Amino acid sequence: MFSLLLLAAIAALTIFLVRMFVRPVSLSSVFRAVFIAPLMILLALPAVAQEAGAPGFIEAILPQLLELLGIVLMFFLTWASARFTRRTGIEIEVRYREAMHSALMTGAHLALNRQLNGPAAIDLIVTHVRQSVPDALGKLKPSENILGRLAEAKLQEAGDKLARELNRVIGS
């Protein structure tokens, strides 16, 4: 029985390795191959103990199995940690970017309400962003030039929106 399970595990690994060189495979299939083959062998151990008839066989092979299980577990934890870090890092960056753009738009509305234009409006918008979302600026680290251009674009966008609203009110 053990021989058949061992041959099945070796065949599965061989097929996987051949496929890996023929075409790219995903990380999940690598994980499955690394995890399933030792699991198949681990499930076959009671059959081995029964065939061998020696009560000390499992005790002799157990340290190697625990080491193999530790390697598989470390691989899985490393993969899960990298995936979690990548996913949460992207989500946090999106939140910071949205907060910065919202603060830019609020600053643009503030500049329009104070009837500012040109460099005075840009300075007001940039100052508002620095005061309202310092964490976002610290993480995203936009240059002064980029921040000024973003402020200018938001001022233009807010002005266009205000002009459309005025046209809508006057037209009706």
Protein backbone atom coordinates (compact mmCIF):
# COMPACT_ATOMS: atom_id res chain seq x y z
CA MET A 1 0.00 0.00 0.00
CA PHE A 2 2.77 2.40 0.95
CA SER A 3 4.60 1.70 -2.29
CA LEU A 4 1.54 2.68 -4.32
CA LEU A 5 1.02 5.90 -2.38
CA LEU A 6 4.71 6.77 -2.62
CA LEU A 7 4.65 6.15 -6.38
CA ALA A 8 1.54 8.35 -6.68
CA ALA A 9 3.25 11.17 -4.78
CA ILE A 10 6.39 10.92 -6.92
CA ALA A 11 4.28 10.82 -10.10
CA ALA A 12 2.31 13.90 -9.02
CA LEU A 13 5.52 15.82 -8.30
CA THR A 14 7.06 14.72 -11.59
CA ILE A 15 4.00 15.77 -13.58
CA PHE A 16 3.97 19.13 -11.79
CA LEU A 17 7.68 19.74 -12.46
CA VAL A 18 7.30 18.86 -16.14
CA ARG A 19 4.30 21.23 -16.42
CA MET A 20 6.24 23.96 -14.64
CA PHE A 21 8.97 23.90 -17.30
CA VAL A 22 6.50 23.68 -20.19
CA ARG A 23 4.33 26.64 -19.16
CA PRO A 24 4.27 29.09 -16.24
CA VAL A 25 2.36 28.01 -13.15
CA SER A 26 0.78 30.04 -10.39
CA LEU A 27 2.04 30.23 -6.85
CA SER A 28 -1.05 28.42 -5.60
CA SER A 29 -0.24 25.36 -7.71
CA VAL A 30 3.34 25.41 -6.37
CA PHE A 31 1.91 25.49 -2.85
CA ARG A 32 -0.43 22.60 -3.64
CA ALA A 33 2.41 20.48 -5.01
CA VAL A 34 4.69 21.23 -2.08
CA PHE A 35 1.91 20.56 0.41
CA ILE A 36 0.06 17.58 -1.11
CA ALA A 37 3.01 15.29 -1.85
CA PRO A 38 4.29 15.18 1.77
CA LEU A 39 0.69 14.90 2.95
CA MET A 40 0.17 11.83 0.77
CA ILE A 41 3.32 10.29 2.20
CA LEU A 42 2.24 11.21 5.75
CA LEU A 43 -1.12 9.52 5.22
CA ALA A 44 0.66 6.37 4.08
CA LEU A 45 2.72 6.02 7.27
CA PRO A 46 0.27 3.77 9.12
CA ALA A 47 0.40 1.35 6.17
CA VAL A 48 4.18 1.42 6.30
CA ALA A 49 4.19 0.68 10.01
CA GLN A 50 1.83 -2.22 9.48
CA GLU A 51 3.86 -3.64 6.57
CA ALA A 52 7.16 -3.21 8.35
CA GLY A 53 5.93 -4.87 11.50
CA ALA A 54 8.44 -2.83 13.46
CA PRO A 55 6.92 -0.65 16.17
CA GLY A 56 9.90 1.74 16.03
CA PHE A 57 9.55 2.71 12.35
CA ILE A 58 7.31 5.71 12.91
CA GLU A 59 9.49 6.91 15.78
CA ALA A 60 12.52 6.67 13.49
CA ILE A 61 10.95 8.63 10.63
CA LEU A 62 9.02 11.17 12.74
CA PRO A 63 11.86 13.75 13.06
CA GLN A 64 12.24 13.95 9.26
CA LEU A 65 8.49 14.26 8.83
CA LEU A 66 8.30 17.05 11.40
CA GLU A 67 11.13 18.86 9.65
CA LEU A 68 9.35 18.49 6.31
CA LEU A 69 6.11 19.72 7.84
CA GLY A 70 8.00 22.72 9.29
CA ILE A 71 9.39 23.59 5.86
CA VAL A 72 5.94 23.39 4.27
CA LEU A 73 4.44 25.48 7.07
CA MET A 74 7.21 28.09 6.77
CA PHE A 75 6.65 28.29 3.01
CA PHE A 76 2.91 28.82 3.53
CA LEU A 77 3.39 31.46 6.25
CA THR A 78 5.92 33.37 4.14
CA TRP A 79 3.60 33.32 1.13
CA ALA A 80 0.58 34.40 3.22
CA SER A 81 2.56 37.18 4.89
CA ALA A 82 3.80 38.56 1.56
CA ARG A 83 0.30 38.47 0.11
CA PHE A 84 -1.18 40.18 3.17
CA THR A 85 1.50 42.89 3.15
CA ARG A 86 1.03 43.55 -0.56
CA ARG A 87 -2.77 43.71 -0.28
CA THR A 88 -2.91 45.94 2.80
CA GLY A 89 -0.13 48.18 1.48
CA ILE A 90 -2.10 48.83 -1.70
CA GLU A 91 -5.32 49.50 0.22
CA ILE A 92 -3.58 51.90 2.59
CA GLU A 93 -2.00 53.76 -0.34
CA VAL A 94 -5.41 54.09 -2.01
CA ARG A 95 -6.89 55.55 1.17
CA TYR A 96 -4.04 58.07 1.46
CA ARG A 97 -4.41 59.06 -2.18
CA GLU A 98 -8.17 59.51 -1.82
CA ALA A 99 -7.67 61.59 1.34
CA MET A 100 -5.13 63.82 -0.41
CA HIS A 101 -7.38 64.35 -3.45
CA SER A 102 -10.35 65.11 -1.20
CA ALA A 103 -8.27 67.67 0.71
CA LEU A 104 -7.11 69.18 -2.59
CA MET A 105 -10.71 69.56 -3.74
CA THR A 106 -11.78 71.06 -0.40
CA GLY A 107 -8.89 73.53 -0.64
CA ALA A 108 -9.92 74.42 -4.20
CA HIS A 109 -13.50 75.12 -3.08
CA LEU A 110 -12.12 77.22 -0.24
CA ALA A 111 -9.97 79.24 -2.66
CA LEU A 112 -12.95 79.82 -4.96
CA ASN A 113 -15.13 80.88 -2.02
CA ARG A 114 -12.46 83.43 -1.04
CA GLN A 115 -12.32 84.52 -4.71
CA LEU A 116 -8.62 83.76 -5.00
CA ASN A 117 -6.90 82.85 -8.24
CA GLY A 118 -3.42 82.13 -9.53
CA PRO A 119 -0.53 81.57 -7.11
CA ALA A 120 -2.52 82.75 -4.08
CA ALA A 121 -5.17 80.07 -4.70
CA ILE A 122 -2.54 77.37 -5.27
CA ASP A 123 -0.74 78.35 -2.05
CA LEU A 124 -4.00 78.20 -0.10
CA ILE A 125 -4.83 74.75 -1.50
CA VAL A 126 -1.35 73.36 -0.78
CA THR A 127 -1.40 74.79 2.75
CA HIS A 128 -4.83 73.27 3.35
CA VAL A 129 -3.60 69.86 2.18
CA ARG A 130 -0.50 70.04 4.39
CA GLN A 131 -2.60 70.88 7.43
CA SER A 132 -5.46 68.46 6.84
CA VAL A 133 -3.71 65.27 5.66
CA PRO A 134 -0.07 65.32 6.81
CA ASP A 135 -0.01 61.51 7.14
CA ALA A 136 -1.03 61.05 3.51
CA LEU A 137 1.65 63.47 2.35
CA GLY A 138 4.20 61.69 4.53
CA LYS A 139 3.42 58.32 2.99
CA LEU A 140 2.88 59.38 -0.63
CA LYS A 141 5.71 61.96 -0.64
CA PRO A 142 4.61 64.04 -3.64
CA SER A 143 7.14 66.68 -4.72
CA GLU A 144 6.27 70.38 -4.42
CA ASN A 145 5.96 70.57 -8.19
CA ILE A 146 3.50 67.65 -8.32
CA LEU A 147 1.50 69.02 -5.39
CA GLY A 148 1.28 72.41 -7.12
CA ARG A 149 0.11 70.83 -10.37
CA LEU A 150 -2.47 68.73 -8.53
CA ALA A 151 -3.71 71.86 -6.74
CA GLU A 152 -3.95 73.69 -10.06
CA ALA A 153 -5.89 70.81 -11.63
CA LYS A 154 -8.31 70.63 -8.69
CA LEU A 155 -8.81 74.40 -8.82
CA GLN A 156 -9.66 74.12 -12.52
CA GLU A 157 -11.99 71.17 -11.82
CA ALA A 158 -13.75 73.04 -9.01
CA GLY A 159 -14.06 76.15 -11.21
CA ASP A 160 -15.56 74.12 -14.05
CA LYS A 161 -18.00 72.50 -11.66
CA LEU A 162 -19.01 75.89 -10.28
CA ALA A 163 -19.48 77.27 -13.81
CA ARG A 164 -21.71 74.32 -14.75
CA GLU A 165 -23.82 74.86 -11.63
CA LEU A 166 -24.16 78.56 -12.39
CA ASN A 167 -25.17 77.83 -15.99
CA ARG A 168 -27.71 75.30 -14.77
CA VAL A 169 -29.20 77.77 -12.26
CA ILE A 170 -29.22 80.69 -14.73
CA GLY A 171 -30.57 78.53 -17.57
CA SER A 172 -33.57 77.31 -15.60
